[in-house]
C-alpha atoms as a PDB file:
ATOM      1  CA  MET A   1      -7.485  -0.424 -36.124  1.00  0.00           C
ATOM      2  CA  THR A   2      -7.779   1.221 -32.708  1.00  0.00           C
ATOM      3  CA  THR A   3      -8.586  -0.559 -29.498  1.00  0.00           C
ATOM      4  CA  ALA A   4     -11.245   0.887 -27.226  1.00  0.00           C
ATOM      5  CA  THR A   5     -10.425   0.941 -23.536  1.00  0.00           C
ATOM      6  CA  ALA A   6     -12.378   1.721 -20.400  1.00  0.00           C
ATOM      7  CA  GLN A   7     -11.386   2.293 -16.815  1.00  0.00           C
ATOM      8  CA  ILE A   8     -13.540   1.021 -13.972  1.00  0.00           C
ATOM      9  CA  ASN A   9     -13.050   0.939 -10.220  1.00  0.00           C
ATOM     10  CA  ILE A  10     -13.572  -2.450  -8.610  1.00  0.00           C
ATOM     11  CA  PRO A  11     -13.217  -2.949  -4.849  1.00  0.00           C
ATOM     12  CA  PHE A  12     -10.241  -5.190  -4.093  1.00  0.00           C
ATOM     13  CA  ASP A  13     -12.323  -7.650  -2.047  1.00  0.00           C
ATOM     14  CA  LEU A  14     -14.702  -8.160  -4.975  1.00  0.00           C
ATOM     15  CA  LEU A  15     -11.789  -8.623  -7.354  1.00  0.00           C
ATOM     16  CA  ALA A  16     -10.124 -11.148  -5.040  1.00  0.00           C
ATOM     17  CA  GLU A  17     -13.371 -13.085  -4.758  1.00  0.00           C
ATOM     18  CA  ALA A  18     -13.772 -13.127  -8.546  1.00  0.00           C
ATOM     19  CA  VAL A  19     -10.248 -14.500  -9.003  1.00  0.00           C
ATOM     20  CA  THR A  20     -11.155 -17.526  -6.910  1.00  0.00           C
ATOM     21  CA  THR A  21     -13.751 -18.501  -9.509  1.00  0.00           C
ATOM     22  CA  LEU A  22     -11.253 -18.661 -12.389  1.00  0.00           C
ATOM     23  CA  ASN A  23     -10.143 -22.001 -13.756  1.00  0.00           C
ATOM     24  CA  ILE A  24      -6.491 -22.955 -13.341  1.00  0.00           C
ATOM     25  CA  GLU A  25      -5.464 -21.865 -16.848  1.00  0.00           C
ATOM     26  CA  HIS A  26      -6.866 -18.378 -16.325  1.00  0.00           C
ATOM     27  CA  LYS A  27      -5.292 -18.139 -12.858  1.00  0.00           C
ATOM     28  CA  ILE A  28      -1.889 -18.969 -14.364  1.00  0.00           C
ATOM     29  CA  LYS A  29      -2.408 -16.408 -17.132  1.00  0.00           C
ATOM     30  CA  LEU A  30      -3.351 -13.762 -14.532  1.00  0.00           C
ATOM     31  CA  TRP A  31      -0.339 -14.711 -12.358  1.00  0.00           C
ATOM     32  CA  LYS A  32       2.038 -14.229 -15.306  1.00  0.00           C
ATOM     33  CA  LEU A  33       0.432 -10.913 -16.275  1.00  0.00           C
ATOM     34  CA  LEU A  34       0.657  -9.577 -12.726  1.00  0.00           C
ATOM     35  CA  GLY A  35       4.244 -10.769 -12.406  1.00  0.00           C
ATOM     36  CA  LYS A  36       5.156  -8.856 -15.565  1.00  0.00           C
ATOM     37  CA  GLU A  37       3.381  -5.702 -14.340  1.00  0.00           C
ATOM     38  CA  ILE A  38       5.105  -5.877 -10.956  1.00  0.00           C
ATOM     39  CA  ALA A  39       8.521  -6.391 -12.545  1.00  0.00           C
ATOM     40  CA  GLU A  40       8.019  -3.334 -14.759  1.00  0.00           C
ATOM     41  CA  ALA A  41       6.684  -1.087 -11.973  1.00  0.00           C
ATOM     42  CA  PRO A  42       9.093   1.597 -10.771  1.00  0.00           C
ATOM     43  CA  LYS A  43      10.680   0.906  -7.427  1.00  0.00           C
ATOM     44  CA  ALA A  44       9.052   2.868  -4.598  1.00  0.00           C
ATOM     45  CA  THR A  45      11.308   5.397  -2.961  1.00  0.00           C
ATOM     46  CA  ARG A  46      10.660   8.099  -0.423  1.00  0.00           C
ATOM     47  CA  ASN A  47      10.830  10.578  -3.315  1.00  0.00           C
ATOM     48  CA  ASN A  48       8.000   9.065  -5.344  1.00  0.00           C
ATOM     49  CA  ILE A  49       5.545   7.843  -2.703  1.00  0.00           C
ATOM     50  CA  ASP A  50       2.916   9.752  -0.801  1.00  0.00           C
ATOM     51  CA  THR A  51       4.592  10.646   2.477  1.00  0.00           C
ATOM     52  CA  SER A  52       1.576  12.422   3.990  1.00  0.00           C
ATOM     53  CA  ALA A  53       0.850   9.542   6.383  1.00  0.00           C
ATOM     54  CA  ILE A  54       4.468   9.495   7.566  1.00  0.00           C
ATOM     55  CA  ASP A  55       4.462  13.281   7.993  1.00  0.00           C
ATOM     56  CA  SER A  56       1.184  13.121   9.931  1.00  0.00           C
ATOM     57  CA  LEU A  57       2.577  10.449  12.253  1.00  0.00           C
ATOM     58  CA  ASP A  58       5.701  12.555  12.826  1.00  0.00           C
ATOM     59  CA  ARG A  59       3.551  15.548  13.836  1.00  0.00           C
ATOM     60  CA  VAL A  60       1.493  13.424  16.257  1.00  0.00           C
ATOM     61  CA  PHE A  61       4.667  11.973  17.750  1.00  0.00           C
ATOM     62  CA  GLU A  62       6.135  15.463  18.294  1.00  0.00           C
ATOM     63  CA  LYS A  63       2.869  16.700  19.843  1.00  0.00           C
ATOM     64  CA  VAL A  64       2.765  13.791  22.304  1.00  0.00           C
ATOM     65  CA  LEU A  65       6.375  14.456  23.312  1.00  0.00           C
ATOM     66  CA  LEU A  66       5.689  18.157  23.871  1.00  0.00           C
ATOM     67  CA  GLU A  67       2.474  17.643  25.822  1.00  0.00           C
ATOM     68  CA  THR A  68       3.768  14.836  28.039  1.00  0.00           C
ATOM     69  CA  GLY A  69       7.332  16.032  28.511  1.00  0.00           C
ATOM     70  CA  MET A  70       8.521  12.515  27.734  1.00  0.00           C
ATOM     71  CA  THR A  71      11.713  11.723  25.870  1.00  0.00           C
ATOM     72  CA  GLU A  72      11.586   9.689  22.677  1.00  0.00           C
ATOM     73  CA  ASP A  73      13.027   6.693  24.536  1.00  0.00           C
ATOM     74  CA  GLU A  74      10.386   6.957  27.273  1.00  0.00           C
ATOM     75  CA  LEU A  75       7.601   7.132  24.702  1.00  0.00           C
ATOM     76  CA  VAL A  76       8.910   4.111  22.794  1.00  0.00           C
ATOM     77  CA  GLU A  77       9.290   2.186  26.048  1.00  0.00           C
ATOM     78  CA  ALA A  78       5.698   3.070  27.028  1.00  0.00           C
ATOM     79  CA  PHE A  79       4.409   1.611  23.738  1.00  0.00           C
ATOM     80  CA  VAL A  80       6.506  -1.534  24.079  1.00  0.00           C
ATOM     81  CA  LYS A  81       5.142  -2.337  27.552  1.00  0.00           C
END
């Protein structure tokens, strides 16, 4: 016997709200299921994650340094103040 499956996209906020309506037994069951899924998930490394956001930030950082003539230390100090 085969099992039919379907994939749907549910906004996280809607999912989180729905979880609050579960009774305690179902919340515990969900907690255990999620714990198992998290434990089995591959560990994130720089090699297997999307680094486009990091690369984009690096390019912006370099552009600011070039256009302002600031050093990296001066730029960091400007953000800290």
